[in-house]
Each structure stands twice: as structure tokens, then as C-alpha cells.
């Protein structure tokens, strides 16, 4: 936007100079002043838009999303945890769930990602 304004000011200055009108240093100072005045609100608006978006990558973007079970979850010996594999965004991840929350996780079941710990997803049974 501000580039278009600068181009318009330069074109007007060029046309005036072509007909013999001397612009001098005041024209230059006016151009810089206009750019400083008009550029700040535009820059603030663009910066606000870019910082108010939700994370698109990383583990924070995965939390709350749905994944599909690809191997049946098995109970880990000596604990109340189930472990298996899920597919999320085309990738296979190791996943863990609490056995009291999800008594049986079979292939094809949809689960919700609760947290990410390295390459292990902590999943919860999806509320239907």
C-alpha cells in the first residue's frame, strides 16, 4: 500500500519536474513525512494480524486434534497405561492412553491428542 503511495508521489514529482517546476528539498521532506505518518498504522495492522494467528506447526498445533488408531493398544506390563500407534496428518506416531479412560482402543478408533512428549502422543478417547 505504502509503495503505491510512494510511486504516486514520485510520479507527480516527476511530472512537475518535467514541466519545469523546481521541487527542491521541501518535496523530499514532505514525501518522507507522509511515508512515516501513513506507514506506521499499516505496519501495526500487518504486525497484529501476523501475531494473532493460531500456531500452525509444532506440538502446540497438535493438541486437541484427532488421530486414528492404526495398531491395537496393548497394556504396558505393571502400569495402567495402554500403548499403540496412531496416524496423525499422514504420519505414524507412538501413543499412550490411560486404561481407565479408554478400556479398549482398536484399529480405526478416533482419539484426541491431549499432549505431546517428544515422539509420544498422550491420547484420550474422543467424546462422541
Protein backbone atom coordinates (compact mmCIF):
# COMPACT_ATOMS: atom_id res chain seq x y z
CA UNK A 1 0.00 0.00 0.00
CA UNK A 2 2.66 2.48 1.01
CA UNK A 3 4.71 1.55 -2.05
CA UNK A 4 1.80 2.64 -4.25
CA UNK A 5 1.64 5.93 -2.37
CA UNK A 6 5.37 6.46 -2.80
CA UNK A 7 5.10 5.67 -6.52
CA UNK A 8 2.26 8.18 -6.90
CA UNK A 9 4.24 10.90 -5.12
CA UNK A 10 7.34 10.22 -7.23
CA UNK A 11 5.26 10.25 -10.45
CA UNK A 12 3.67 13.58 -9.52
CA UNK A 13 7.11 14.97 -8.68
CA UNK A 14 8.47 13.69 -11.99
CA UNK A 15 5.63 15.30 -13.96
CA UNK A 16 6.12 18.61 -12.17
CA UNK A 17 9.87 18.47 -12.79
CA UNK A 18 9.24 17.69 -16.49
CA UNK A 19 7.26 20.90 -16.97
CA UNK A 20 9.97 22.93 -15.29
CA UNK A 21 8.67 23.26 -11.75
CA UNK A 22 11.50 23.08 -9.21
CA UNK A 23 10.55 20.84 -6.29
CA UNK A 24 13.57 21.28 -4.02
CA UNK A 25 14.17 19.82 -0.59
CA UNK A 26 10.63 20.51 0.67
CA UNK A 27 9.19 17.96 -1.74
CA UNK A 28 11.62 15.34 -0.46
CA UNK A 29 10.84 16.16 3.18
CA UNK A 30 7.09 16.06 2.51
CA UNK A 31 7.42 12.65 0.86
CA UNK A 32 9.37 11.22 3.81
CA UNK A 33 6.93 12.75 6.31
CA UNK A 34 3.90 11.28 4.50
CA UNK A 35 5.53 7.85 4.41
CA UNK A 36 6.32 7.97 8.13
CA UNK A 37 2.81 9.08 9.03
CA UNK A 38 0.99 6.58 6.82
CA UNK A 39 3.39 3.67 7.16
CA UNK A 40 3.14 3.23 10.94
CA UNK A 41 -0.59 2.35 11.12
CA UNK A 42 -0.22 -0.03 8.17
CA UNK A 43 2.80 -1.73 9.75
CA UNK A 44 0.98 -2.07 13.08
CA UNK A 45 -2.05 -3.57 11.35
CA UNK A 46 0.08 -6.12 9.49
CA UNK A 47 2.05 -6.98 12.64
CA UNK A 48 -1.14 -7.51 14.64
CA UNK A 49 -2.57 -9.84 12.01
CA UNK A 50 0.58 -11.95 11.90
CA UNK A 51 0.81 -12.34 15.69
CA UNK A 52 -2.86 -13.11 16.31
CA UNK A 53 -2.89 -16.32 14.27
CA UNK A 54 -3.02 -19.74 15.87
CA UNK A 55 0.14 -21.87 15.75
CA UNK A 56 0.28 -23.86 12.52
CA UNK A 57 3.22 -26.13 13.31
CA UNK A 58 4.86 -27.81 16.25
CA UNK A 59 3.46 -29.72 19.15
CA UNK A 60 1.15 -26.90 20.26
CA UNK A 61 -0.72 -27.19 16.96
CA UNK A 62 -1.28 -30.92 17.53
CA UNK A 63 -3.02 -30.68 20.90
CA UNK A 64 -6.76 -31.17 20.61
CA UNK A 65 -6.59 -32.61 17.08
CA UNK A 66 -7.90 -36.05 16.14
CA UNK A 67 -5.81 -39.11 15.29
CA UNK A 68 -6.77 -42.59 14.10
CA UNK A 69 -5.58 -45.79 15.80
CA UNK A 70 -3.54 -47.97 13.41
CA UNK A 71 -2.42 -50.74 15.81
CA UNK A 72 -4.44 -52.13 18.68
CA UNK A 73 -3.35 -50.65 22.00
CA UNK A 74 -1.79 -53.11 24.44
CA UNK A 75 -1.47 -52.70 28.19
CA UNK A 76 2.03 -51.91 29.41
CA UNK A 77 3.08 -54.51 31.96
CA UNK A 78 2.94 -53.20 35.53
CA UNK A 79 1.12 -49.97 34.74
CA UNK A 80 -2.33 -48.69 33.91
CA UNK A 81 -1.23 -47.37 30.54
CA UNK A 82 -2.08 -48.58 27.06
CA UNK A 83 0.39 -48.15 24.22
CA UNK A 84 -0.05 -48.37 20.47
CA UNK A 85 0.31 -46.38 17.27
CA UNK A 86 -1.87 -43.70 15.72
CA UNK A 87 -1.93 -41.85 12.41
CA UNK A 88 -1.92 -38.06 12.52
CA UNK A 89 -1.56 -35.93 9.37
CA UNK A 90 -0.32 -38.94 7.43
CA UNK A 91 2.39 -39.82 9.94
CA UNK A 92 2.51 -42.76 12.34
CA UNK A 93 3.13 -41.84 16.00
CA UNK A 94 3.58 -43.86 19.17
CA UNK A 95 0.70 -43.11 21.50
CA UNK A 96 -0.24 -43.77 25.08
CA UNK A 97 -3.61 -43.68 26.88
CA UNK A 98 -4.85 -44.38 30.38
CA UNK A 99 -6.60 -47.74 30.60
CA UNK A 100 -9.39 -46.38 32.83
CA UNK A 101 -10.22 -43.66 30.28
CA UNK A 102 -10.10 -45.92 27.25
CA UNK A 103 -10.65 -49.59 28.11
CA UNK A 104 -10.13 -50.80 24.52
CA UNK A 105 -8.57 -48.95 21.62
CA UNK A 106 -8.92 -50.97 18.45
CA UNK A 107 -7.83 -50.18 14.90
CA UNK A 108 -9.87 -47.42 13.27
CA UNK A 109 -10.97 -45.76 16.50
CA UNK A 110 -10.58 -41.99 16.61
CA UNK A 111 -8.78 -40.45 19.58
CA UNK A 112 -7.98 -36.87 20.63
CA UNK A 113 -4.38 -35.76 21.25
CA UNK A 114 -4.04 -34.47 24.81
CA UNK A 115 -0.32 -33.71 24.95
CA UNK A 116 2.95 -34.36 23.16
CA UNK A 117 6.05 -35.67 24.91
CA UNK A 118 8.89 -35.96 22.40
CA UNK A 119 7.71 -38.51 19.84
CA UNK A 120 4.98 -39.91 22.10
CA UNK A 121 1.43 -38.66 21.94
CA UNK A 122 -0.76 -38.85 25.02
CA UNK A 123 -4.25 -39.50 23.69
CA UNK A 124 -7.76 -39.52 25.14
CA UNK A 125 -10.84 -41.30 23.92
CA UNK A 126 -12.81 -38.97 21.70
CA UNK A 127 -16.04 -37.63 23.20
CA UNK A 128 -18.86 -38.73 20.93
